[in-house]
Amino acid sequence: MARLLLVLLVAAVMASAIGVVFGTHEARKQFVALQALQASRDEMNIQWGRLQLEQSTWATHGRIEQTASDKLEMMIPPPGAVVIVRP
């Protein structure tokens, strides 16, 4: 009886040890995946900042006015041609 109890206790300890090893391995895998996702997030934040800077550059008043005059052949009307409509 004592020998059977000893065998069961050894089996329980081995199962527990294997569970700890498996749990540690899974935790490390998940941590590596988390670090990869965080690096990807950081890279996307950098790219987002660059895109915002590019958008602000393309949307400046001077750039819009230049494009309107070059591509659309628009021009600022002379002061005498401006009519102000009041309600």
N, C-alpha and C. Protein backbone atom coordinates (compact mmCIF):
# COMPACT_ATOMS: atom_id res chain seq x y z
N MET A 1 0.82 -1.19 0.00
CA MET A 1 0.00 0.00 0.00
C MET A 1 0.86 1.26 0.00
N ALA A 2 1.92 1.23 0.82
CA ALA A 2 2.79 2.39 0.91
C ALA A 2 3.53 2.61 -0.42
N ARG A 3 3.86 1.50 -1.05
CA ARG A 3 4.56 1.60 -2.32
C ARG A 3 3.65 2.20 -3.40
N LEU A 4 2.39 1.84 -3.42
CA LEU A 4 1.41 2.38 -4.36
C LEU A 4 1.22 3.88 -4.12
N LEU A 5 1.15 4.26 -2.87
CA LEU A 5 1.02 5.67 -2.51
C LEU A 5 2.25 6.46 -2.97
N LEU A 6 3.42 5.88 -2.80
CA LEU A 6 4.65 6.52 -3.23
C LEU A 6 4.68 6.70 -4.75
N VAL A 7 4.25 5.68 -5.48
CA VAL A 7 4.21 5.76 -6.94
C VAL A 7 3.22 6.84 -7.38
N LEU A 8 2.07 6.90 -6.72
CA LEU A 8 1.07 7.93 -7.06
C LEU A 8 1.59 9.34 -6.76
N LEU A 9 2.30 9.48 -5.65
CA LEU A 9 2.85 10.80 -5.32
C LEU A 9 3.94 11.21 -6.32
N VAL A 10 4.77 10.28 -6.72
CA VAL A 10 5.80 10.57 -7.72
C VAL A 10 5.16 10.96 -9.04
N ALA A 11 4.10 10.24 -9.43
CA ALA A 11 3.40 10.56 -10.67
C ALA A 11 2.76 11.94 -10.58
N ALA A 12 2.19 12.28 -9.43
CA ALA A 12 1.58 13.59 -9.25
C ALA A 12 2.62 14.70 -9.32
N VAL A 13 3.77 14.48 -8.71
CA VAL A 13 4.85 15.47 -8.75
C VAL A 13 5.35 15.64 -10.19
N MET A 14 5.50 14.54 -10.91
CA MET A 14 5.95 14.62 -12.31
C MET A 14 4.93 15.36 -13.17
N ALA A 15 3.66 15.07 -12.97
CA ALA A 15 2.61 15.76 -13.73
C ALA A 15 2.62 17.25 -13.41
N SER A 16 2.79 17.57 -12.15
CA SER A 16 2.86 18.98 -11.74
C SER A 16 4.06 19.67 -12.37
N ALA A 17 5.21 18.99 -12.38
CA ALA A 17 6.42 19.57 -12.97
C ALA A 17 6.24 19.79 -14.47
N ILE A 18 5.64 18.84 -15.15
CA ILE A 18 5.39 18.99 -16.59
C ILE A 18 4.42 20.15 -16.83
N GLY A 19 3.42 20.28 -15.97
CA GLY A 19 2.48 21.40 -16.09
C GLY A 19 3.17 22.75 -15.91
N VAL A 20 4.09 22.83 -14.97
CA VAL A 20 4.82 24.08 -14.74
C VAL A 20 5.69 24.41 -15.95
N VAL A 21 6.38 23.40 -16.49
CA VAL A 21 7.22 23.62 -17.67
C VAL A 21 6.38 24.07 -18.85
N PHE A 22 5.25 23.42 -19.06
CA PHE A 22 4.37 23.79 -20.16
C PHE A 22 3.83 25.21 -19.97
N GLY A 23 3.41 25.54 -18.76
CA GLY A 23 2.89 26.88 -18.48
C GLY A 23 3.94 27.96 -18.69
N THR A 24 5.17 27.70 -18.26
CA THR A 24 6.27 28.65 -18.45
C THR A 24 6.57 28.84 -19.93
N HIS A 25 6.57 27.74 -20.68
CA HIS A 25 6.83 27.82 -22.11
C HIS A 25 5.74 28.65 -22.81
N GLU A 26 4.49 28.42 -22.48
CA GLU A 26 3.39 29.18 -23.08
C GLU A 26 3.49 30.66 -22.72
N ALA A 27 3.83 30.95 -21.47
CA ALA A 27 3.97 32.35 -21.05
C ALA A 27 5.08 33.05 -21.83
N ARG A 28 6.17 32.37 -22.05
CA ARG A 28 7.28 32.96 -22.82
C ARG A 28 6.87 33.18 -24.27
N LYS A 29 6.16 32.20 -24.87
CA LYS A 29 5.68 32.37 -26.25
C LYS A 29 4.75 33.58 -26.35
N GLN A 30 3.85 33.71 -25.40
CA GLN A 30 2.92 34.83 -25.42
C GLN A 30 3.63 36.16 -25.21
N PHE A 31 4.67 36.18 -24.39
CA PHE A 31 5.43 37.40 -24.16
C PHE A 31 6.17 37.83 -25.42
N VAL A 32 6.74 36.85 -26.14
CA VAL A 32 7.42 37.16 -27.40
C VAL A 32 6.41 37.71 -28.42
N ALA A 33 5.23 37.11 -28.47
CA ALA A 33 4.20 37.61 -29.38
C ALA A 33 3.78 39.03 -28.99
N LEU A 34 3.66 39.28 -27.70
CA LEU A 34 3.32 40.63 -27.23
C LEU A 34 4.37 41.64 -27.63
N GLN A 35 5.64 41.29 -27.49
CA GLN A 35 6.70 42.21 -27.88
C GLN A 35 6.68 42.49 -29.38
N ALA A 36 6.39 41.48 -30.18
CA ALA A 36 6.30 41.68 -31.63
C ALA A 36 5.14 42.61 -31.97
N LEU A 37 4.02 42.43 -31.31
CA LEU A 37 2.86 43.30 -31.55
C LEU A 37 3.14 44.74 -31.11
N GLN A 38 3.84 44.90 -30.00
CA GLN A 38 4.18 46.24 -29.54
C GLN A 38 5.14 46.92 -30.51
N ALA A 39 6.09 46.18 -31.07
CA ALA A 39 7.01 46.74 -32.06
C ALA A 39 6.25 47.15 -33.31
N SER A 40 5.30 46.33 -33.70
CA SER A 40 4.47 46.66 -34.86
C SER A 40 3.63 47.91 -34.59
N ARG A 41 3.08 48.01 -33.39
CA ARG A 41 2.31 49.20 -33.01
C ARG A 41 3.17 50.45 -33.05
N ASP A 42 4.38 50.34 -32.54
CA ASP A 42 5.29 51.50 -32.53
C ASP A 42 5.62 51.93 -33.96
N GLU A 43 5.86 50.97 -34.83
CA GLU A 43 6.16 51.29 -36.23
C GLU A 43 4.96 51.95 -36.90
N MET A 44 3.76 51.47 -36.60
CA MET A 44 2.56 52.08 -37.16
C MET A 44 2.34 53.49 -36.63
N ASN A 45 2.66 53.72 -35.37
CA ASN A 45 2.55 55.08 -34.82
C ASN A 45 3.52 56.03 -35.50
N ILE A 46 4.73 55.56 -35.79
CA ILE A 46 5.70 56.38 -36.50
C ILE A 46 5.19 56.70 -37.91
N GLN A 47 4.66 55.69 -38.57
CA GLN A 47 4.13 55.90 -39.92
C GLN A 47 2.93 56.85 -39.89
N TRP A 48 2.08 56.73 -38.90
CA TRP A 48 0.93 57.62 -38.76
C TRP A 48 1.39 59.07 -38.58
N GLY A 49 2.42 59.28 -37.79
CA GLY A 49 2.96 60.62 -37.60
C GLY A 49 3.50 61.18 -38.91
N ARG A 50 4.18 60.34 -39.68
CA ARG A 50 4.69 60.79 -40.98
C ARG A 50 3.56 61.15 -41.91
N LEU A 51 2.50 60.35 -41.93
CA LEU A 51 1.35 60.63 -42.79
C LEU A 51 0.65 61.93 -42.38
N GLN A 52 0.54 62.18 -41.09
CA GLN A 52 -0.06 63.43 -40.63
C GLN A 52 0.78 64.62 -41.05
N LEU A 53 2.09 64.49 -40.96
CA LEU A 53 2.98 65.56 -41.39
C LEU A 53 2.84 65.81 -42.89
N GLU A 54 2.79 64.73 -43.66
CA GLU A 54 2.63 64.86 -45.10
C GLU A 54 1.29 65.51 -45.45
N GLN A 55 0.24 65.12 -44.74
CA GLN A 55 -1.08 65.71 -44.99
C GLN A 55 -1.07 67.20 -44.68
N SER A 56 -0.45 67.58 -43.58
CA SER A 56 -0.41 69.00 -43.23
C SER A 56 0.42 69.78 -44.25
N THR A 57 1.43 69.15 -44.82
CA THR A 57 2.24 69.81 -45.85
C THR A 57 1.43 70.03 -47.13
N TRP A 58 0.67 69.01 -47.53
CA TRP A 58 -0.13 69.12 -48.75
C TRP A 58 -1.31 70.07 -48.57
N ALA A 59 -1.75 70.30 -47.35
CA ALA A 59 -2.95 71.10 -47.11
C ALA A 59 -2.65 72.55 -46.74
N THR A 60 -1.40 73.00 -46.89
CA THR A 60 -1.11 74.40 -46.57
C THR A 60 -1.79 75.32 -47.57
N HIS A 61 -2.10 76.53 -47.12
CA HIS A 61 -2.81 77.49 -47.98
C HIS A 61 -2.01 77.81 -49.23
N GLY A 62 -0.71 77.98 -49.07
CA GLY A 62 0.13 78.28 -50.23
C GLY A 62 0.10 77.17 -51.26
N ARG A 63 0.14 75.93 -50.80
CA ARG A 63 0.11 74.77 -51.71
C ARG A 63 -1.23 74.70 -52.44
N ILE A 64 -2.31 74.94 -51.73
CA ILE A 64 -3.64 74.89 -52.35
C ILE A 64 -3.78 76.02 -53.37
N GLU A 65 -3.31 77.20 -53.01
CA GLU A 65 -3.39 78.33 -53.93
C GLU A 65 -2.53 78.08 -55.18
N GLN A 66 -1.36 77.52 -55.00
CA GLN A 66 -0.47 77.20 -56.13
C GLN A 66 -1.14 76.19 -57.05
N THR A 67 -1.73 75.14 -56.48
CA THR A 67 -2.40 74.11 -57.28
C THR A 67 -3.60 74.70 -58.02
N ALA A 68 -4.37 75.56 -57.34
CA ALA A 68 -5.54 76.17 -57.97
C ALA A 68 -5.13 77.04 -59.15
N SER A 69 -4.06 77.77 -59.01
CA SER A 69 -3.65 78.65 -60.11
C SER A 69 -2.98 77.86 -61.24
N ASP A 70 -2.19 76.85 -60.92
CA ASP A 70 -1.47 76.08 -61.96
C ASP A 70 -2.37 75.10 -62.69
N LYS A 71 -3.06 74.26 -61.97
CA LYS A 71 -3.82 73.19 -62.61
C LYS A 71 -5.23 73.62 -63.02
N LEU A 72 -5.87 74.45 -62.21
CA LEU A 72 -7.25 74.84 -62.49
C LEU A 72 -7.36 76.21 -63.15
N GLU A 73 -6.21 76.86 -63.29
CA GLU A 73 -6.15 78.20 -63.90
C GLU A 73 -7.08 79.18 -63.20
N MET A 74 -7.12 79.10 -61.89
CA MET A 74 -7.91 80.03 -61.09
C MET A 74 -7.02 81.20 -60.68
N MET A 75 -7.63 82.32 -60.39
CA MET A 75 -6.87 83.47 -59.93
C MET A 75 -7.70 84.26 -58.92
N ILE A 76 -7.02 85.08 -58.15
CA ILE A 76 -7.70 85.91 -57.17
C ILE A 76 -8.34 87.07 -57.93
N PRO A 77 -9.65 87.32 -57.72
CA PRO A 77 -10.30 88.41 -58.46
C PRO A 77 -9.80 89.76 -57.99
N PRO A 78 -9.80 90.74 -58.89
CA PRO A 78 -9.40 92.08 -58.48
C PRO A 78 -10.40 92.64 -57.47
N PRO A 79 -9.96 93.57 -56.63
CA PRO A 79 -10.86 94.09 -55.59
C PRO A 79 -12.17 94.66 -56.14
N GLY A 80 -12.17 95.21 -57.31
CA GLY A 80 -13.38 95.79 -57.86
C GLY A 80 -14.39 94.73 -58.29
N ALA A 81 -13.97 93.50 -58.52
CA ALA A 81 -14.87 92.44 -58.97
C ALA A 81 -15.49 91.66 -57.82
N VAL A 82 -15.10 91.97 -56.59
CA VAL A 82 -15.63 91.26 -55.44
C VAL A 82 -16.95 91.91 -55.02
N VAL A 83 -18.00 91.13 -54.90
CA VAL A 83 -19.31 91.63 -54.48
C VAL A 83 -19.64 90.96 -53.14
N ILE A 84 -19.97 91.77 -52.15
CA ILE A 84 -20.34 91.25 -50.84
C ILE A 84 -21.87 91.26 -50.74
N VAL A 85 -22.44 90.11 -50.50
CA VAL A 85 -23.89 89.97 -50.39
C VAL A 85 -24.24 89.97 -48.91
N ARG A 86 -25.12 90.88 -48.53
CA ARG A 86 -25.54 90.95 -47.14
C ARG A 86 -26.98 90.49 -47.02
N PRO A 87 -27.31 89.83 -45.96
CA PRO A 87 -28.69 89.33 -45.79
C PRO A 87 -29.70 90.43 -45.56
